[in-house]
Every structure is written in C-alpha cells, then in structure tokens.
N, C-alpha and C. Protein backbone atom coordinates (compact mmCIF):
# COMPACT_ATOMS: atom_id res chain seq x y z
N UNK A 1 15.72 -6.29 10.08
CA UNK A 1 15.13 -6.26 8.76
C UNK A 1 15.15 -4.85 8.18
N UNK A 2 16.22 -4.09 8.47
CA UNK A 2 16.34 -2.74 7.92
C UNK A 2 16.53 -2.81 6.41
N UNK A 3 15.95 -1.87 5.71
CA UNK A 3 16.00 -1.88 4.25
C UNK A 3 17.42 -1.66 3.72
N UNK A 4 18.26 -1.00 4.48
CA UNK A 4 19.62 -0.72 4.01
C UNK A 4 20.44 -1.98 3.76
N UNK A 5 20.03 -3.10 4.32
CA UNK A 5 20.77 -4.35 4.15
C UNK A 5 20.34 -5.14 2.92
N UNK A 6 19.39 -4.62 2.17
CA UNK A 6 18.87 -5.32 0.99
C UNK A 6 19.17 -4.52 -0.27
N UNK A 7 19.32 -5.23 -1.38
CA UNK A 7 19.51 -4.57 -2.67
C UNK A 7 18.17 -4.03 -3.16
N UNK A 8 18.23 -3.16 -4.16
CA UNK A 8 17.00 -2.65 -4.75
C UNK A 8 16.17 -3.79 -5.34
N UNK A 9 16.83 -4.76 -5.94
CA UNK A 9 16.12 -5.89 -6.53
C UNK A 9 15.42 -6.71 -5.45
N UNK A 10 16.08 -6.92 -4.32
CA UNK A 10 15.45 -7.67 -3.22
C UNK A 10 14.26 -6.91 -2.67
N UNK A 11 14.41 -5.59 -2.52
CA UNK A 11 13.30 -4.78 -2.00
C UNK A 11 12.13 -4.79 -2.97
N UNK A 12 12.41 -4.70 -4.26
CA UNK A 12 11.34 -4.78 -5.26
C UNK A 12 10.63 -6.13 -5.20
N UNK A 13 11.40 -7.20 -4.97
CA UNK A 13 10.79 -8.52 -4.87
C UNK A 13 9.89 -8.61 -3.63
N UNK A 14 10.35 -8.10 -2.48
CA UNK A 14 9.51 -8.08 -1.28
C UNK A 14 8.23 -7.29 -1.57
N UNK A 15 8.37 -6.16 -2.26
CA UNK A 15 7.21 -5.33 -2.58
C UNK A 15 6.24 -6.09 -3.47
N UNK A 16 6.76 -6.71 -4.52
CA UNK A 16 5.89 -7.44 -5.45
C UNK A 16 5.24 -8.63 -4.76
N UNK A 17 5.99 -9.35 -3.93
CA UNK A 17 5.42 -10.50 -3.21
C UNK A 17 4.33 -10.05 -2.23
N UNK A 18 4.54 -8.90 -1.59
CA UNK A 18 3.53 -8.36 -0.68
C UNK A 18 2.28 -7.96 -1.47
N UNK A 19 2.49 -7.29 -2.58
CA UNK A 19 1.38 -6.90 -3.45
C UNK A 19 0.60 -8.13 -3.90
N UNK A 20 1.32 -9.17 -4.35
CA UNK A 20 0.66 -10.40 -4.80
C UNK A 20 -0.12 -11.05 -3.66
N UNK A 21 0.42 -10.99 -2.44
CA UNK A 21 -0.31 -11.52 -1.29
C UNK A 21 -1.63 -10.76 -1.12
N UNK A 22 -1.57 -9.44 -1.24
CA UNK A 22 -2.79 -8.63 -1.11
C UNK A 22 -3.82 -9.03 -2.16
N UNK A 23 -3.38 -9.18 -3.40
CA UNK A 23 -4.29 -9.55 -4.48
C UNK A 23 -4.94 -10.90 -4.18
N UNK A 24 -4.11 -11.87 -3.79
CA UNK A 24 -4.61 -13.23 -3.56
C UNK A 24 -5.51 -13.33 -2.33
N UNK A 25 -5.20 -12.57 -1.30
CA UNK A 25 -5.91 -12.72 -0.03
C UNK A 25 -6.97 -11.65 0.24
N UNK A 26 -6.81 -10.49 -0.35
CA UNK A 26 -7.78 -9.41 -0.13
C UNK A 26 -8.69 -9.21 -1.33
N UNK A 27 -8.27 -9.71 -2.50
CA UNK A 27 -9.11 -9.67 -3.69
C UNK A 27 -9.13 -8.34 -4.40
N UNK A 28 -10.08 -8.21 -5.30
CA UNK A 28 -10.28 -6.97 -6.04
C UNK A 28 -11.78 -6.70 -6.14
N UNK A 29 -12.18 -5.45 -5.99
CA UNK A 29 -13.61 -5.13 -6.08
C UNK A 29 -14.10 -4.94 -7.51
N UNK A 30 -13.20 -5.01 -8.48
CA UNK A 30 -13.59 -4.70 -9.85
C UNK A 30 -13.84 -5.96 -10.67
N UNK A 31 -14.84 -5.90 -11.52
CA UNK A 31 -15.11 -7.02 -12.43
C UNK A 31 -13.94 -7.13 -13.40
N UNK A 32 -13.66 -8.34 -13.77
CA UNK A 32 -12.55 -8.57 -14.69
C UNK A 32 -11.20 -8.58 -14.00
N UNK A 33 -11.20 -8.44 -12.67
CA UNK A 33 -9.96 -8.54 -11.92
C UNK A 33 -8.99 -7.40 -12.13
N UNK A 34 -9.48 -6.23 -12.53
CA UNK A 34 -8.57 -5.10 -12.73
C UNK A 34 -7.86 -4.77 -11.43
N UNK A 35 -6.57 -4.49 -11.56
CA UNK A 35 -5.73 -4.21 -10.39
C UNK A 35 -4.95 -2.92 -10.58
N UNK A 36 -4.55 -2.31 -9.48
CA UNK A 36 -3.71 -1.12 -9.61
C UNK A 36 -2.28 -1.52 -9.99
N UNK A 37 -1.57 -0.60 -10.60
CA UNK A 37 -0.16 -0.82 -10.89
C UNK A 37 0.64 -0.46 -9.64
N UNK A 38 1.69 -1.21 -9.37
CA UNK A 38 2.57 -0.95 -8.24
C UNK A 38 3.81 -0.25 -8.77
N UNK A 39 4.12 0.92 -8.22
CA UNK A 39 5.28 1.71 -8.64
C UNK A 39 6.19 1.91 -7.42
N UNK A 40 7.43 1.50 -7.55
CA UNK A 40 8.41 1.62 -6.47
C UNK A 40 9.41 2.70 -6.86
N UNK A 41 9.59 3.69 -5.97
CA UNK A 41 10.55 4.77 -6.23
C UNK A 41 11.59 4.79 -5.11
N UNK A 42 12.84 4.90 -5.51
CA UNK A 42 13.93 4.92 -4.54
C UNK A 42 14.46 6.32 -4.29
N UNK A 43 14.18 7.27 -5.16
CA UNK A 43 14.77 8.60 -5.01
C UNK A 43 13.75 9.71 -4.81
N UNK A 44 12.50 9.47 -5.08
CA UNK A 44 11.47 10.49 -4.92
C UNK A 44 11.35 10.87 -3.46
N UNK A 45 11.39 12.15 -3.16
CA UNK A 45 11.41 12.61 -1.78
C UNK A 45 10.06 13.16 -1.30
N UNK A 46 8.98 12.63 -1.82
CA UNK A 46 7.66 13.06 -1.34
C UNK A 46 7.57 12.75 0.15
N UNK A 47 6.68 13.43 0.82
CA UNK A 47 6.59 13.30 2.28
C UNK A 47 6.03 11.95 2.73
N UNK A 48 5.25 11.31 1.90
CA UNK A 48 4.56 10.08 2.30
C UNK A 48 5.41 8.84 2.05
N UNK A 49 5.07 7.78 2.79
CA UNK A 49 5.69 6.47 2.53
C UNK A 49 5.09 5.85 1.27
N UNK A 50 3.82 6.15 1.05
CA UNK A 50 3.14 5.63 -0.13
C UNK A 50 1.88 6.41 -0.39
N UNK A 51 1.32 6.19 -1.57
CA UNK A 51 0.07 6.86 -1.93
C UNK A 51 -0.66 6.00 -2.97
N UNK A 52 -1.98 6.03 -2.89
CA UNK A 52 -2.81 5.40 -3.92
C UNK A 52 -3.50 6.50 -4.70
N UNK A 53 -3.38 6.45 -6.02
CA UNK A 53 -4.04 7.43 -6.88
C UNK A 53 -5.23 6.73 -7.54
N UNK A 54 -6.44 7.08 -7.10
CA UNK A 54 -7.65 6.42 -7.60
C UNK A 54 -7.87 6.70 -9.09
N UNK A 55 -7.54 7.90 -9.54
CA UNK A 55 -7.79 8.28 -10.94
C UNK A 55 -7.03 7.39 -11.92
N UNK A 56 -5.83 6.97 -11.55
CA UNK A 56 -5.00 6.17 -12.45
C UNK A 56 -4.82 4.73 -11.97
N UNK A 57 -5.41 4.41 -10.82
CA UNK A 57 -5.26 3.09 -10.19
C UNK A 57 -3.78 2.71 -10.08
N UNK A 58 -3.04 3.54 -9.37
CA UNK A 58 -1.62 3.28 -9.15
C UNK A 58 -1.31 3.39 -7.66
N UNK A 59 -0.46 2.48 -7.20
CA UNK A 59 0.09 2.53 -5.85
C UNK A 59 1.55 2.92 -5.99
N UNK A 60 1.93 4.01 -5.34
CA UNK A 60 3.32 4.46 -5.33
C UNK A 60 3.90 4.20 -3.95
N UNK A 61 5.10 3.64 -3.91
CA UNK A 61 5.82 3.40 -2.65
C UNK A 61 7.14 4.15 -2.75
N UNK A 62 7.42 4.97 -1.74
CA UNK A 62 8.63 5.80 -1.72
C UNK A 62 9.61 5.22 -0.71
N UNK A 63 10.55 4.43 -1.23
CA UNK A 63 11.48 3.66 -0.40
C UNK A 63 12.35 4.53 0.50
N UNK A 64 12.59 5.75 0.10
CA UNK A 64 13.46 6.63 0.88
C UNK A 64 12.91 6.86 2.30
N UNK A 65 11.62 6.69 2.49
CA UNK A 65 11.00 6.91 3.80
C UNK A 65 10.81 5.63 4.61
N UNK A 66 11.19 4.50 4.04
CA UNK A 66 10.97 3.22 4.71
C UNK A 66 12.27 2.73 5.32
N UNK A 67 12.25 2.44 6.61
CA UNK A 67 13.48 2.04 7.29
C UNK A 67 13.61 0.53 7.45
N UNK A 68 12.50 -0.19 7.34
CA UNK A 68 12.56 -1.64 7.52
C UNK A 68 11.53 -2.32 6.61
N UNK A 69 11.67 -3.62 6.47
CA UNK A 69 10.77 -4.38 5.60
C UNK A 69 9.34 -4.30 6.12
N UNK A 70 9.16 -4.25 7.43
CA UNK A 70 7.80 -4.13 7.97
C UNK A 70 7.15 -2.83 7.48
N UNK A 71 7.91 -1.73 7.41
CA UNK A 71 7.38 -0.48 6.85
C UNK A 71 6.90 -0.69 5.42
N UNK A 72 7.69 -1.41 4.64
CA UNK A 72 7.34 -1.68 3.24
C UNK A 72 6.05 -2.48 3.16
N UNK A 73 5.97 -3.54 3.94
CA UNK A 73 4.78 -4.40 3.95
C UNK A 73 3.55 -3.61 4.39
N UNK A 74 3.69 -2.86 5.48
CA UNK A 74 2.55 -2.06 5.98
C UNK A 74 2.09 -1.04 4.95
N UNK A 75 3.04 -0.40 4.28
CA UNK A 75 2.70 0.62 3.29
C UNK A 75 1.91 0.01 2.13
N UNK A 76 2.35 -1.13 1.65
CA UNK A 76 1.64 -1.75 0.53
C UNK A 76 0.25 -2.22 0.96
N UNK A 77 0.15 -2.81 2.12
CA UNK A 77 -1.18 -3.21 2.62
C UNK A 77 -2.07 -1.98 2.76
N UNK A 78 -1.55 -0.91 3.31
CA UNK A 78 -2.30 0.33 3.52
C UNK A 78 -2.82 0.86 2.17
N UNK A 79 -1.92 0.99 1.20
CA UNK A 79 -2.32 1.56 -0.08
C UNK A 79 -3.22 0.61 -0.87
N UNK A 80 -3.00 -0.70 -0.75
CA UNK A 80 -3.89 -1.65 -1.41
C UNK A 80 -5.29 -1.57 -0.79
N UNK A 81 -5.35 -1.34 0.52
CA UNK A 81 -6.66 -1.15 1.17
C UNK A 81 -7.37 0.06 0.57
N UNK A 82 -6.62 1.13 0.29
CA UNK A 82 -7.24 2.28 -0.36
C UNK A 82 -7.79 1.90 -1.74
N UNK A 83 -7.08 1.05 -2.46
CA UNK A 83 -7.63 0.57 -3.74
C UNK A 83 -8.95 -0.15 -3.52
N UNK A 84 -9.01 -1.00 -2.50
CA UNK A 84 -10.26 -1.72 -2.21
C UNK A 84 -11.37 -0.74 -1.85
N UNK A 85 -11.02 0.33 -1.17
CA UNK A 85 -12.01 1.33 -0.76
C UNK A 85 -12.42 2.24 -1.92
N UNK A 86 -11.49 2.46 -2.85
CA UNK A 86 -11.70 3.45 -3.90
C UNK A 86 -11.41 2.88 -5.28
N UNK A 87 -12.13 1.86 -5.69
CA UNK A 87 -11.83 1.28 -7.00
C UNK A 87 -12.26 2.17 -8.17
N UNK A 88 -13.16 3.09 -7.91
CA UNK A 88 -13.67 3.96 -8.98
C UNK A 88 -13.43 5.42 -8.62
N UNK A 89 -13.44 6.25 -9.63
CA UNK A 89 -13.15 7.67 -9.46
C UNK A 89 -14.07 8.33 -8.43
N UNK A 90 -15.33 8.00 -8.46
CA UNK A 90 -16.27 8.62 -7.50
C UNK A 90 -15.90 8.28 -6.05
N UNK A 91 -15.32 7.09 -5.85
CA UNK A 91 -14.88 6.70 -4.50
C UNK A 91 -13.70 7.57 -4.07
N UNK A 92 -12.82 7.88 -5.00
CA UNK A 92 -11.70 8.77 -4.71
C UNK A 92 -12.18 10.17 -4.35
N UNK A 93 -13.26 10.59 -4.98
CA UNK A 93 -13.83 11.90 -4.67
C UNK A 93 -14.40 11.91 -3.25
N UNK A 94 -14.99 10.79 -2.84
CA UNK A 94 -15.51 10.69 -1.46
C UNK A 94 -14.36 10.79 -0.47
N UNK A 95 -13.25 10.09 -0.76
CA UNK A 95 -12.08 10.18 0.12
C UNK A 95 -11.61 11.63 0.22
N UNK A 96 -11.53 12.30 -0.92
CA UNK A 96 -11.07 13.70 -0.93
C UNK A 96 -11.96 14.58 -0.05
N UNK A 97 -13.28 14.39 -0.12
CA UNK A 97 -14.19 15.17 0.72
C UNK A 97 -13.93 14.89 2.21
N UNK A 98 -13.75 13.61 2.55
CA UNK A 98 -13.47 13.26 3.95
C UNK A 98 -12.12 13.81 4.40
N UNK A 99 -11.14 13.75 3.51
CA UNK A 99 -9.82 14.29 3.85
C UNK A 99 -9.89 15.79 4.09
N UNK A 100 -10.63 16.50 3.25
CA UNK A 100 -10.76 17.95 3.42
C UNK A 100 -11.46 18.28 4.73
N UNK A 101 -12.37 17.43 5.17
CA UNK A 101 -13.11 17.67 6.40
C UNK A 101 -12.32 17.23 7.64
N UNK A 102 -11.73 16.02 7.60
CA UNK A 102 -11.14 15.43 8.81
C UNK A 102 -9.63 15.17 8.70
N UNK A 103 -9.01 15.52 7.59
CA UNK A 103 -7.59 15.20 7.41
C UNK A 103 -7.41 13.69 7.37
N UNK A 104 -6.32 13.22 7.95
CA UNK A 104 -6.05 11.77 7.92
C UNK A 104 -6.85 11.01 8.98
N UNK A 105 -7.62 11.70 9.79
CA UNK A 105 -8.46 11.03 10.78
C UNK A 105 -9.85 10.81 10.17
N UNK A 106 -9.88 9.98 9.11
CA UNK A 106 -11.16 9.69 8.46
C UNK A 106 -11.33 8.18 8.34
N UNK A 107 -12.52 7.75 7.99
CA UNK A 107 -12.84 6.32 7.99
C UNK A 107 -11.96 5.51 7.03
N UNK A 108 -11.58 6.09 5.91
CA UNK A 108 -10.72 5.38 4.97
C UNK A 108 -9.34 5.11 5.59
N UNK A 109 -8.77 6.13 6.21
CA UNK A 109 -7.44 5.98 6.81
C UNK A 109 -7.48 5.04 8.01
N UNK A 110 -8.51 5.17 8.83
CA UNK A 110 -8.60 4.27 9.99
C UNK A 110 -8.65 2.81 9.55
N UNK A 111 -9.45 2.52 8.54
CA UNK A 111 -9.53 1.14 8.06
C UNK A 111 -8.19 0.69 7.49
N UNK A 112 -7.51 1.55 6.74
CA UNK A 112 -6.23 1.18 6.15
C UNK A 112 -5.19 0.87 7.23
N UNK A 113 -5.18 1.67 8.30
CA UNK A 113 -4.26 1.39 9.41
C UNK A 113 -4.63 0.08 10.13
N UNK A 114 -5.90 -0.18 10.27
CA UNK A 114 -6.34 -1.44 10.87
C UNK A 114 -5.89 -2.64 10.03
N UNK A 115 -5.96 -2.52 8.72
CA UNK A 115 -5.53 -3.61 7.83
C UNK A 115 -4.03 -3.84 7.94
N UNK A 116 -3.26 -2.75 8.02
CA UNK A 116 -1.81 -2.88 8.23
C UNK A 116 -1.53 -3.70 9.48
N UNK A 117 -2.17 -3.29 10.57
CA UNK A 117 -1.95 -3.94 11.85
C UNK A 117 -2.37 -5.41 11.82
N UNK A 118 -3.48 -5.68 11.16
CA UNK A 118 -4.02 -7.03 11.11
C UNK A 118 -3.16 -7.98 10.28
N UNK A 119 -2.60 -7.50 9.18
CA UNK A 119 -1.97 -8.40 8.22
C UNK A 119 -0.46 -8.29 8.07
N UNK A 120 0.19 -7.30 8.63
CA UNK A 120 1.64 -7.13 8.42
C UNK A 120 2.43 -8.36 8.83
N UNK A 121 2.18 -8.88 10.03
CA UNK A 121 2.93 -10.05 10.48
C UNK A 121 2.59 -11.30 9.66
N UNK A 122 1.36 -11.40 9.20
CA UNK A 122 0.96 -12.53 8.35
C UNK A 122 1.78 -12.50 7.06
N UNK A 123 1.92 -11.32 6.48
CA UNK A 123 2.69 -11.19 5.24
C UNK A 123 4.17 -11.43 5.50
N UNK A 124 4.70 -10.91 6.60
CA UNK A 124 6.11 -11.14 6.93
C UNK A 124 6.39 -12.64 7.09
N UNK A 125 5.47 -13.37 7.67
CA UNK A 125 5.62 -14.83 7.76
C UNK A 125 5.58 -15.45 6.37
N UNK A 126 4.67 -14.98 5.53
CA UNK A 126 4.56 -15.45 4.16
C UNK A 126 5.88 -15.23 3.39
N UNK A 127 6.55 -14.12 3.69
CA UNK A 127 7.83 -13.79 3.06
C UNK A 127 9.01 -14.49 3.74
N UNK A 128 8.71 -15.30 4.76
CA UNK A 128 9.73 -16.01 5.54
C UNK A 128 10.71 -15.05 6.23
N UNK A 129 10.18 -13.95 6.72
CA UNK A 129 11.01 -12.97 7.41
C UNK A 129 10.82 -12.97 8.92
N UNK A 130 9.81 -13.69 9.40
CA UNK A 130 9.65 -13.89 10.87
C UNK A 130 9.18 -15.31 11.10
C-alpha cells in the first residue's frame, strides 16, 4: 500500500474518506458541527507528516513524508484528534504551553498517538484496503 502506486486523485480520495470517517465516528466538539478544513500538499517539504492549526481550524497533510496509505490514515486520525482536543483558540494555547514544557511528550500527543493506533486498521478496513 505504498503511496507511490496511487495517483494524486486516489490519495486525495483516501484522505477525504479517512477524514469523513473521523467526522462520522469521532464527532465534533463544536456546536453547529463546525469542522476543520483538510488541506493536502504534495510538494511542501515541512518536517512533519501533518499539523493541526487551532487558530484557523485547518489540518495540513504533507504527502511527501508519507510512504504508505497507513501513514496517511494515521496522520489524519492524529491531526483530527488534535482538533477534538483543541477546538478553540484557548485550547491551542494550552497545547503550546505543554509543548514548550515537554515537547512532543505531552498529554495531547500521547492521546493522538493512541487514537492512531486504535483506529488506523478500522479505517483501512473501511477503505477496503485490508
């Protein structure tokens, strides 16, 4: 399931289907069902696989760092979990304080990694990939 065997359109579809699974199964903490925007980049060379920006409610996925579909699924679950943790700006500020104190070994990151592990195979089955 290496990403190199799929077209950009197929990868975007896997990303959108994974995102939709997160919305349907993990929900949204905001009234009115507000959701983050999903942004897929194929050429951006940032160091991360993905990032959630609480201030703008955007999830960015950087395909250049993903080697397989499982990476893509895990990244979207991870960043969507950050949306669930940080739906409002003040929540993003809390994350920033924890990050400055503990780096990536903080409660937000631990939970996001746990969610990846818990749901990645469920989503891959949903996508008919395993």
